[in-house]
Amino acid sequence: MMGPLDLAKPVLGLARWVWIALALALVLLLAWLIAARLDSTVETIATTAEDRGATRAVVQGQHQTLEQLKDANDAEQDLRTGGERSAARFDQCLQDSRRPAACERYRPNAR
């Protein structure tokens, strides 16, 4: 029959302090693994936040560019449909345009 003192005998011939040291090493190893995983997760979150901020800035810049292009297109349409006909405007267009035919809309009306 086993008594309480039999349970206190060393297991596998190792002293109790060796088992305590092994258990402590195992706990420290688990703590180190958890800390490393947590550090990796925090780094991933920070990188994702930086990328999201950069993406948001690019999208805002593209939105601003599209708004500017829309304004420029509207201004061009105004010129095409209601541009004034004058000799000065016609001459300026001839200087700036690669196609003289594109400037006919500015040629002053003959009276």
C-alpha atoms as a PDB file:
ATOM      1  CA  MET A   1       0.000   0.000   0.000  1.00  0.00           C
ATOM      2  CA  MET A   2       1.224   3.505  -0.865  1.00  0.00           C
ATOM      3  CA  GLY A   3       1.407   6.132   1.766  1.00  0.00           C
ATOM      4  CA  PRO A   4       1.697   9.904   1.454  1.00  0.00           C
ATOM      5  CA  LEU A   5       5.458   9.662   1.741  1.00  0.00           C
ATOM      6  CA  ASP A   6       5.669   7.446  -1.325  1.00  0.00           C
ATOM      7  CA  LEU A   7       4.257  10.276  -3.464  1.00  0.00           C
ATOM      8  CA  ALA A   8       7.038  12.584  -2.325  1.00  0.00           C
ATOM      9  CA  LYS A   9       9.740  10.272  -3.703  1.00  0.00           C
ATOM     10  CA  PRO A  10      11.521  11.505  -6.811  1.00  0.00           C
ATOM     11  CA  VAL A  11       9.921  10.521 -10.109  1.00  0.00           C
ATOM     12  CA  LEU A  12      12.258   8.773 -12.540  1.00  0.00           C
ATOM     13  CA  GLY A  13      15.087   9.278 -10.108  1.00  0.00           C
ATOM     14  CA  LEU A  14      15.167  13.084 -10.531  1.00  0.00           C
ATOM     15  CA  ALA A  15      15.176  15.397  -7.569  1.00  0.00           C
ATOM     16  CA  ARG A  16      12.182  17.633  -6.915  1.00  0.00           C
ATOM     17  CA  TRP A  17      14.173  20.803  -7.707  1.00  0.00           C
ATOM     18  CA  VAL A  18      14.944  19.480 -11.217  1.00  0.00           C
ATOM     19  CA  TRP A  19      11.211  19.052 -11.899  1.00  0.00           C
ATOM     20  CA  ILE A  20      10.560  22.549 -10.588  1.00  0.00           C
ATOM     21  CA  ALA A  21      13.296  23.932 -12.848  1.00  0.00           C
ATOM     22  CA  LEU A  22      11.860  22.086 -15.878  1.00  0.00           C
ATOM     23  CA  ALA A  23       8.354  23.371 -15.134  1.00  0.00           C
ATOM     24  CA  LEU A  24       9.679  26.916 -14.726  1.00  0.00           C
ATOM     25  CA  ALA A  25      11.589  26.648 -18.021  1.00  0.00           C
ATOM     26  CA  LEU A  26       8.416  25.432 -19.736  1.00  0.00           C
ATOM     27  CA  VAL A  27       6.398  28.346 -18.320  1.00  0.00           C
ATOM     28  CA  LEU A  28       9.091  30.829 -19.415  1.00  0.00           C
ATOM     29  CA  LEU A  29       9.162  29.301 -22.906  1.00  0.00           C
ATOM     30  CA  LEU A  30       5.382  29.624 -23.212  1.00  0.00           C
ATOM     31  CA  ALA A  31       5.518  33.227 -21.991  1.00  0.00           C
ATOM     32  CA  TRP A  32       8.230  34.027 -24.536  1.00  0.00           C
ATOM     33  CA  LEU A  33       6.196  32.455 -27.381  1.00  0.00           C
ATOM     34  CA  ILE A  34       3.082  34.410 -26.377  1.00  0.00           C
ATOM     35  CA  ALA A  35       5.068  37.668 -26.172  1.00  0.00           C
ATOM     36  CA  ALA A  36       6.636  37.058 -29.601  1.00  0.00           C
ATOM     37  CA  ARG A  37       3.227  36.327 -31.127  1.00  0.00           C
ATOM     38  CA  LEU A  38       1.733  39.411 -29.490  1.00  0.00           C
ATOM     39  CA  ASP A  39       4.613  41.580 -30.761  1.00  0.00           C
ATOM     40  CA  SER A  40       4.092  40.233 -34.275  1.00  0.00           C
ATOM     41  CA  THR A  41       0.371  40.954 -34.069  1.00  0.00           C
ATOM     42  CA  VAL A  42       0.945  44.516 -32.866  1.00  0.00           C
ATOM     43  CA  GLU A  43       3.456  45.100 -35.662  1.00  0.00           C
ATOM     44  CA  THR A  44       0.976  43.767 -38.225  1.00  0.00           C
ATOM     45  CA  ILE A  45      -1.750  46.054 -36.881  1.00  0.00           C
ATOM     46  CA  ALA A  46       0.567  49.072 -37.038  1.00  0.00           C
ATOM     47  CA  THR A  47       1.639  48.267 -40.606  1.00  0.00           C
ATOM     48  CA  THR A  48      -1.968  47.787 -41.680  1.00  0.00           C
ATOM     49  CA  ALA A  49      -2.924  51.130 -40.138  1.00  0.00           C
ATOM     50  CA  GLU A  50      -0.054  52.870 -41.955  1.00  0.00           C
ATOM     51  CA  ASP A  51      -1.047  51.261 -45.260  1.00  0.00           C
ATOM     52  CA  ARG A  52      -4.674  52.219 -44.757  1.00  0.00           C
ATOM     53  CA  GLY A  53      -3.671  55.822 -44.026  1.00  0.00           C
ATOM     54  CA  ALA A  54      -1.476  55.962 -47.119  1.00  0.00           C
ATOM     55  CA  THR A  55      -4.249  54.467 -49.230  1.00  0.00           C
ATOM     56  CA  ARG A  56      -6.727  56.993 -47.882  1.00  0.00           C
ATOM     57  CA  ALA A  57      -4.338  59.840 -48.781  1.00  0.00           C
ATOM     58  CA  VAL A  58      -3.898  58.494 -52.327  1.00  0.00           C
ATOM     59  CA  VAL A  59      -7.658  58.168 -52.778  1.00  0.00           C
ATOM     60  CA  GLN A  60      -8.197  61.726 -51.560  1.00  0.00           C
ATOM     61  CA  GLY A  61      -5.524  62.970 -53.971  1.00  0.00           C
ATOM     62  CA  GLN A  62      -7.127  61.109 -56.850  1.00  0.00           C
ATOM     63  CA  HIS A  63     -10.520  62.519 -55.910  1.00  0.00           C
ATOM     64  CA  GLN A  64      -9.072  66.043 -55.938  1.00  0.00           C
ATOM     65  CA  THR A  65      -7.452  65.415 -59.322  1.00  0.00           C
ATOM     66  CA  LEU A  66     -10.737  64.159 -60.755  1.00  0.00           C
ATOM     67  CA  GLU A  67     -12.536  67.240 -59.446  1.00  0.00           C
ATOM     68  CA  GLN A  68      -9.922  69.483 -61.073  1.00  0.00           C
ATOM     69  CA  LEU A  69     -10.247  67.575 -64.362  1.00  0.00           C
ATOM     70  CA  LYS A  70     -14.021  67.962 -64.204  1.00  0.00           C
ATOM     71  CA  ASP A  71     -13.665  71.709 -63.659  1.00  0.00           C
ATOM     72  CA  ALA A  72     -11.210  71.951 -66.568  1.00  0.00           C
ATOM     73  CA  ASN A  73     -13.529  69.932 -68.787  1.00  0.00           C
ATOM     74  CA  ASP A  74     -16.456  72.181 -67.867  1.00  0.00           C
ATOM     75  CA  ALA A  75     -14.374  75.251 -68.693  1.00  0.00           C
ATOM     76  CA  GLU A  76     -13.375  73.740 -72.033  1.00  0.00           C
ATOM     77  CA  GLN A  77     -17.002  72.957 -72.826  1.00  0.00           C
ATOM     78  CA  ASP A  78     -17.930  76.552 -72.026  1.00  0.00           C
ATOM     79  CA  LEU A  79     -15.266  77.747 -74.445  1.00  0.00           C
ATOM     80  CA  ARG A  80     -16.343  75.336 -77.159  1.00  0.00           C
ATOM     81  CA  THR A  81     -20.029  76.133 -76.954  1.00  0.00           C
ATOM     82  CA  GLY A  82     -20.032  79.795 -76.062  1.00  0.00           C
ATOM     83  CA  GLY A  83     -16.529  81.005 -76.787  1.00  0.00           C
ATOM     84  CA  GLU A  84     -16.347  84.532 -78.056  1.00  0.00           C
ATOM     85  CA  ARG A  85     -15.486  85.088 -81.665  1.00  0.00           C
ATOM     86  CA  SER A  86     -12.770  87.658 -82.053  1.00  0.00           C
ATOM     87  CA  ALA A  87      -9.619  88.210 -84.034  1.00  0.00           C
ATOM     88  CA  ALA A  88      -7.483  88.128 -80.878  1.00  0.00           C
ATOM     89  CA  ARG A  89      -8.989  84.829 -79.742  1.00  0.00           C
ATOM     90  CA  PHE A  90      -8.628  83.333 -83.214  1.00  0.00           C
ATOM     91  CA  ASP A  91      -4.954  84.407 -83.439  1.00  0.00           C
ATOM     92  CA  GLN A  92      -4.186  83.010 -79.965  1.00  0.00           C
ATOM     93  CA  CYS A  93      -5.815  79.710 -80.883  1.00  0.00           C
ATOM     94  CA  LEU A  94      -3.751  79.485 -84.062  1.00  0.00           C
ATOM     95  CA  GLN A  95      -0.582  79.966 -82.022  1.00  0.00           C
ATOM     96  CA  ASP A  96      -1.526  77.311 -79.432  1.00  0.00           C
ATOM     97  CA  SER A  97      -3.235  74.681 -81.567  1.00  0.00           C
ATOM     98  CA  ARG A  98      -1.641  71.985 -83.673  1.00  0.00           C
ATOM     99  CA  ARG A  99      -4.646  71.946 -85.971  1.00  0.00           C
ATOM    100  CA  PRO A 100      -5.730  75.259 -87.475  1.00  0.00           C
ATOM    101  CA  ALA A 101      -9.143  73.766 -88.235  1.00  0.00           C
ATOM    102  CA  ALA A 102      -9.815  73.571 -84.476  1.00  0.00           C
ATOM    103  CA  CYS A 103      -9.694  77.384 -84.308  1.00  0.00           C
ATOM    104  CA  GLU A 104     -12.509  78.015 -86.773  1.00  0.00           C
ATOM    105  CA  ARG A 105     -14.957  78.372 -83.895  1.00  0.00           C
ATOM    106  CA  TYR A 106     -13.142  81.577 -82.860  1.00  0.00           C
ATOM    107  CA  ARG A 107     -12.913  83.149 -86.353  1.00  0.00           C
ATOM    108  CA  PRO A 108     -14.785  86.432 -86.283  1.00  0.00           C
ATOM    109  CA  ASN A 109     -18.061  86.428 -88.172  1.00  0.00           C
ATOM    110  CA  ALA A 110     -17.894  88.223 -91.496  1.00  0.00           C
ATOM    111  CA  ARG A 111     -20.371  91.101 -91.701  1.00  0.00           C
END
